[in-house]
Protein backbone atom coordinates (compact mmCIF):
# COMPACT_ATOMS: atom_id res chain seq x y z
CA UNK A 1 -0.11 0.10 -0.09
CA UNK A 2 1.45 3.28 -1.07
CA UNK A 3 1.63 6.44 1.08
CA UNK A 4 1.25 10.06 0.05
CA UNK A 5 2.44 12.32 2.40
CA UNK A 6 1.61 15.96 3.14
CA UNK A 7 -1.67 17.43 2.06
CA UNK A 8 -3.72 17.02 -1.21
CA UNK A 9 -6.19 19.80 -2.14
CA UNK A 10 -8.92 19.54 -4.47
CA UNK A 11 -11.13 22.56 -5.28
CA UNK A 12 -14.90 21.81 -5.74
CA UNK A 13 -14.38 18.33 -4.78
CA UNK A 14 -16.98 15.71 -6.42
CA UNK A 15 -16.35 11.98 -6.00
CA UNK A 16 -19.06 8.97 -6.31
CA UNK A 17 -17.77 5.78 -6.46
CA UNK A 18 -20.26 3.27 -8.20
CA UNK A 19 -20.07 -0.39 -7.17
CA UNK A 20 -21.40 -3.52 -8.52
CA UNK A 21 -24.98 -3.61 -7.44
CA UNK A 22 -25.30 -7.19 -8.11
CA UNK A 23 -22.75 -7.98 -5.53
CA UNK A 24 -24.29 -6.06 -2.88
CA UNK A 25 -27.65 -7.45 -2.46
CA UNK A 26 -28.69 -5.80 1.01
CA UNK A 27 -26.33 -3.30 2.53
CA UNK A 28 -27.09 -1.05 5.68
CA UNK A 29 -25.19 0.55 8.47
CA UNK A 30 -23.25 -0.32 11.50
CA UNK A 31 -21.64 2.02 13.86
CA UNK A 32 -20.04 2.79 17.18
CA UNK A 33 -16.78 0.70 17.96
CA UNK A 34 -17.82 -2.26 15.82
CA UNK A 35 -21.21 -2.93 17.59
CA UNK A 36 -24.45 -2.64 15.56
CA UNK A 37 -25.84 0.30 16.67
CA UNK A 38 -28.25 1.36 13.36
CA UNK A 39 -29.61 -0.73 10.57
CA UNK A 40 -32.43 0.53 8.49
CA UNK A 41 -33.91 0.65 4.90
CA UNK A 42 -33.78 4.03 3.54
CA UNK A 43 -36.80 6.02 2.58
CA UNK A 44 -35.95 6.65 -0.76
CA UNK A 45 -35.86 10.51 -0.43
CA UNK A 46 -32.84 12.65 -0.85
CA UNK A 47 -31.92 15.40 1.48
CA UNK A 48 -29.65 18.28 1.17
CA UNK A 49 -26.61 19.19 3.98
CA UNK A 50 -24.59 22.09 3.66
CA UNK A 51 -21.82 23.35 6.20
CA UNK A 52 -19.35 26.10 6.47
CA UNK A 53 -16.68 23.83 7.57
CA UNK A 54 -16.20 20.11 8.46
CA UNK A 55 -12.94 18.79 10.33
CA UNK A 56 -12.87 15.13 10.54
CA UNK A 57 -10.25 12.41 11.65
CA UNK A 58 -9.70 8.93 10.19
CA UNK A 59 -11.66 9.77 7.09
CA UNK A 60 -12.54 6.87 4.51
CA UNK A 61 -14.63 6.57 1.46
CA UNK A 62 -15.96 3.59 -0.55
CA UNK A 63 -18.82 2.69 -2.66
CA UNK A 64 -21.83 0.79 -1.69
CA UNK A 65 -25.49 0.40 -2.50
CA UNK A 66 -28.41 1.51 -0.03
CA UNK A 67 -31.82 -0.42 -0.39
CA UNK A 68 -35.23 1.09 0.17
CA UNK A 69 -37.76 -1.01 1.92
CA UNK A 70 -39.43 -1.78 -1.48
CA UNK A 71 -35.87 -3.35 -2.58
CA UNK A 72 -34.86 -0.31 -4.82
CA UNK A 73 -31.15 -0.03 -4.80
CA UNK A 74 -29.20 3.43 -5.09
CA UNK A 75 -25.72 3.56 -5.77
CA UNK A 76 -23.81 5.79 -3.09
CA UNK A 77 -20.32 6.96 -1.82
CA UNK A 78 -20.16 6.43 1.87
CA UNK A 79 -17.89 9.05 3.80
CA UNK A 80 -16.85 7.84 7.23
CA UNK A 81 -15.25 9.64 10.08
CA UNK A 82 -14.14 8.30 13.51
CA UNK A 83 -14.93 12.12 14.79
CA UNK A 84 -15.90 15.14 13.13
CA UNK A 85 -16.68 18.75 14.21
CA UNK A 86 -19.30 20.85 11.78
CA UNK A 87 -19.81 24.62 11.89
CA UNK A 88 -23.02 25.92 10.76
CA UNK A 89 -24.90 22.74 9.63
CA UNK A 90 -27.97 23.08 7.63
CA UNK A 91 -30.03 19.96 6.75
CA UNK A 92 -33.21 20.16 4.46
CA UNK A 93 -35.77 17.75 3.14
CA UNK A 94 -38.87 18.51 0.89
CA UNK A 95 -41.85 16.39 1.16
CA UNK A 96 -44.99 16.84 -1.18
CA UNK A 97 -48.10 16.97 0.58
CA UNK A 98 -50.42 18.02 -2.27
CA UNK A 99 -52.75 15.17 -1.76
CA UNK A 100 -53.72 16.87 1.63
CA UNK A 101 -53.63 20.13 0.05
CA UNK A 102 -50.63 21.77 1.51
CA UNK A 103 -48.36 21.52 -1.57
CA UNK A 104 -44.54 20.91 -0.80
CA UNK A 105 -43.36 21.32 2.66
CA UNK A 106 -39.59 21.63 3.46
CA UNK A 107 -38.38 20.47 6.89
CA UNK A 108 -35.10 22.61 7.62
CA UNK A 109 -32.81 22.21 10.49
CA UNK A 110 -29.65 24.35 11.79
CA UNK A 111 -27.05 23.50 14.33
CA UNK A 112 -23.68 24.68 15.29
CA UNK A 113 -23.97 28.18 14.01
CA UNK A 114 -22.99 31.79 15.27
CA UNK A 115 -23.00 31.73 19.27
CA UNK A 116 -23.04 28.02 19.78
CA UNK A 117 -20.68 25.36 19.62
CA UNK A 118 -20.05 23.21 16.41
CA UNK A 119 -22.09 20.08 16.11
CA UNK A 120 -19.92 17.13 17.02
CA UNK A 121 -20.35 13.49 15.78
CA UNK A 122 -18.58 10.19 16.60
CA UNK A 123 -18.50 7.34 14.02
CA UNK A 124 -20.19 9.28 11.44
CA UNK A 125 -21.32 7.56 8.20
CA UNK A 126 -22.67 9.85 5.26
CA UNK A 127 -24.23 8.12 2.53
CA UNK A 128 -24.08 10.57 -0.43
CA UNK A 129 -24.72 11.20 -4.10
CA UNK A 130 -23.18 14.29 -4.62
CA UNK A 131 -20.60 16.59 -2.85
CA UNK A 132 -19.16 19.84 -3.57
CA UNK A 133 -16.62 21.62 -1.37
CA UNK A 134 -12.96 22.65 -1.14
CA UNK A 135 -11.20 19.85 0.66
CA UNK A 136 -7.94 19.26 2.21
CA UNK A 137 -6.70 15.66 2.93
CA UNK A 138 -3.91 14.70 5.28
CA UNK A 139 -1.76 11.81 4.29
CA UNK A 140 -4.12 10.48 1.85
CA UNK A 141 -4.59 7.00 0.13
CA UNK A 142 -6.24 7.00 -3.21
CA UNK A 143 -7.00 3.54 -4.66
CA UNK A 144 -6.76 1.60 -1.45
CA UNK A 145 -8.54 -1.73 -1.04
CA UNK A 146 -11.77 -1.17 0.91
CA UNK A 147 -11.23 -4.47 2.80
CA UNK A 148 -8.01 -2.93 4.46
CA UNK A 149 -9.79 0.25 5.78
CA UNK A 150 -9.29 1.08 9.47
CA UNK A 151 -11.12 3.29 11.91
CA UNK A 152 -14.03 2.91 14.22
CA UNK A 153 -16.66 4.00 11.89
CA UNK A 154 -15.48 1.76 9.23
CA UNK A 155 -14.91 -1.16 11.09
CA UNK A 156 -18.37 -1.03 12.57
CA UNK A 157 -19.87 -0.70 9.21
CA UNK A 158 -18.07 -4.10 7.99
CA UNK A 159 -19.89 -5.86 11.17
CA UNK A 160 -23.30 -5.58 9.25
CA UNK A 161 -25.11 -8.77 8.29
CA UNK A 162 -25.86 -7.34 4.72
CA UNK A 163 -22.21 -7.11 4.13
CA UNK A 164 -21.68 -10.71 5.08
CA UNK A 165 -24.54 -11.77 3.13
CA UNK A 166 -22.90 -10.11 0.20
CA UNK A 167 -20.22 -12.36 0.29
CA UNK A 168 -17.58 -10.35 2.07
CA UNK A 169 -17.56 -12.16 5.45
CA UNK A 170 -16.22 -9.99 8.06
CA UNK A 171 -15.05 -7.23 5.73
CA UNK A 172 -16.05 -5.49 2.82
CA UNK A 173 -16.15 -7.48 -0.56
CA UNK A 174 -12.81 -6.75 -2.54
CA UNK A 175 -13.48 -6.09 -6.41
CA UNK A 176 -17.28 -5.28 -6.29
CA UNK A 177 -16.49 -2.48 -3.80
CA UNK A 178 -12.57 -2.53 -3.63
CA UNK A 179 -11.78 0.93 -4.67
CA UNK A 180 -11.48 3.27 -1.55
CA UNK A 181 -9.64 6.36 -0.30
CA UNK A 182 -8.63 7.01 3.26
CA UNK A 183 -6.65 9.97 5.01
CA UNK A 184 -5.66 10.81 8.55
CA UNK A 185 -7.66 13.82 8.44
CA UNK A 186 -10.07 15.68 6.06
CA UNK A 187 -10.98 19.43 6.39
CA UNK A 188 -13.80 20.51 4.22
CA UNK A 189 -15.26 24.19 3.58
CA UNK A 190 -18.27 25.24 1.79
CA UNK A 191 -19.80 21.96 1.57
CA UNK A 192 -22.95 21.18 -0.41
CA UNK A 193 -24.06 17.79 -0.42
CA UNK A 194 -27.04 15.49 -1.50
CA UNK A 195 -27.27 12.31 0.61
CA UNK A 196 -29.46 9.47 1.23
CA UNK A 197 -28.68 8.60 4.83
CA UNK A 198 -26.40 9.53 7.68
CA UNK A 199 -25.58 7.75 10.82
CA UNK A 200 -23.69 8.42 13.84
CA UNK A 201 -22.79 6.78 17.21
CA UNK A 202 -22.94 9.99 19.03
CA UNK A 203 -24.50 13.14 17.39
CA UNK A 204 -24.37 16.46 19.51
CA UNK A 205 -26.47 19.20 17.75
CA UNK A 206 -25.57 22.21 19.63
CA UNK A 207 -27.91 25.30 18.95
CA UNK A 208 -30.63 22.97 17.31
CA UNK A 209 -33.24 24.89 15.53
CA UNK A 210 -35.89 22.98 13.33
CA UNK A 211 -38.76 24.44 11.54
CA UNK A 212 -41.38 23.71 8.76
CA UNK A 213 -41.55 25.72 5.56
CA UNK A 214 -44.31 26.05 2.70
CA UNK A 215 -42.44 25.45 -0.49
CA UNK A 216 -39.17 24.51 -1.74
CA UNK A 217 -36.39 25.97 -3.49
CA UNK A 218 -33.91 28.81 -2.33
CA UNK A 219 -34.57 30.10 1.10
CA UNK A 220 -36.15 26.90 2.22
CA UNK A 221 -33.75 24.21 1.20
CA UNK A 222 -29.95 24.74 2.04
CA UNK A 223 -29.03 25.28 -1.37
């Protein structure tokens, strides 16, 4: 395994690794020091997340497939952090309630903004389909085999029964989901991402503010 030392900076970083769907029949999430803490079928809805700054330790990213309750698969890139501090977090999801005569409603969440401590997460897993940011990685390896990834967030994910059923045993299947990247640290600024799911062993939302807004688009969604 080769090492790249120093820092790598990718402007407007955007990466989605698409794995083999056939090799991953059922994949979920597992977190918190290799113990199964969360396992769920995704709703199928996308949601948006933005933040001014995210600083994470023991970063890893690899491809997998999220599964809806009805069996619909969605290829995603999983970003894993053993711990992360997030400044000015915004999360929004739009639900169409037209059948109730209400039109589209946006649920908007803010935390870690001005006057409060940053949001803190342990064993953070983000299943995303799109990401834009200015990113700096420390000691990054690109092209690492996913089965060799380390860190509590990534190791916990490996123990999920869905991964074992996909033929990977106690680790991630090589080949099908073999390509990965890992770094000692990751600093992202001006983050805008579209995600399918997020999991965390510990998620501290300082200065939490949640509201419902009529309509969607600018002003209601995070971006």
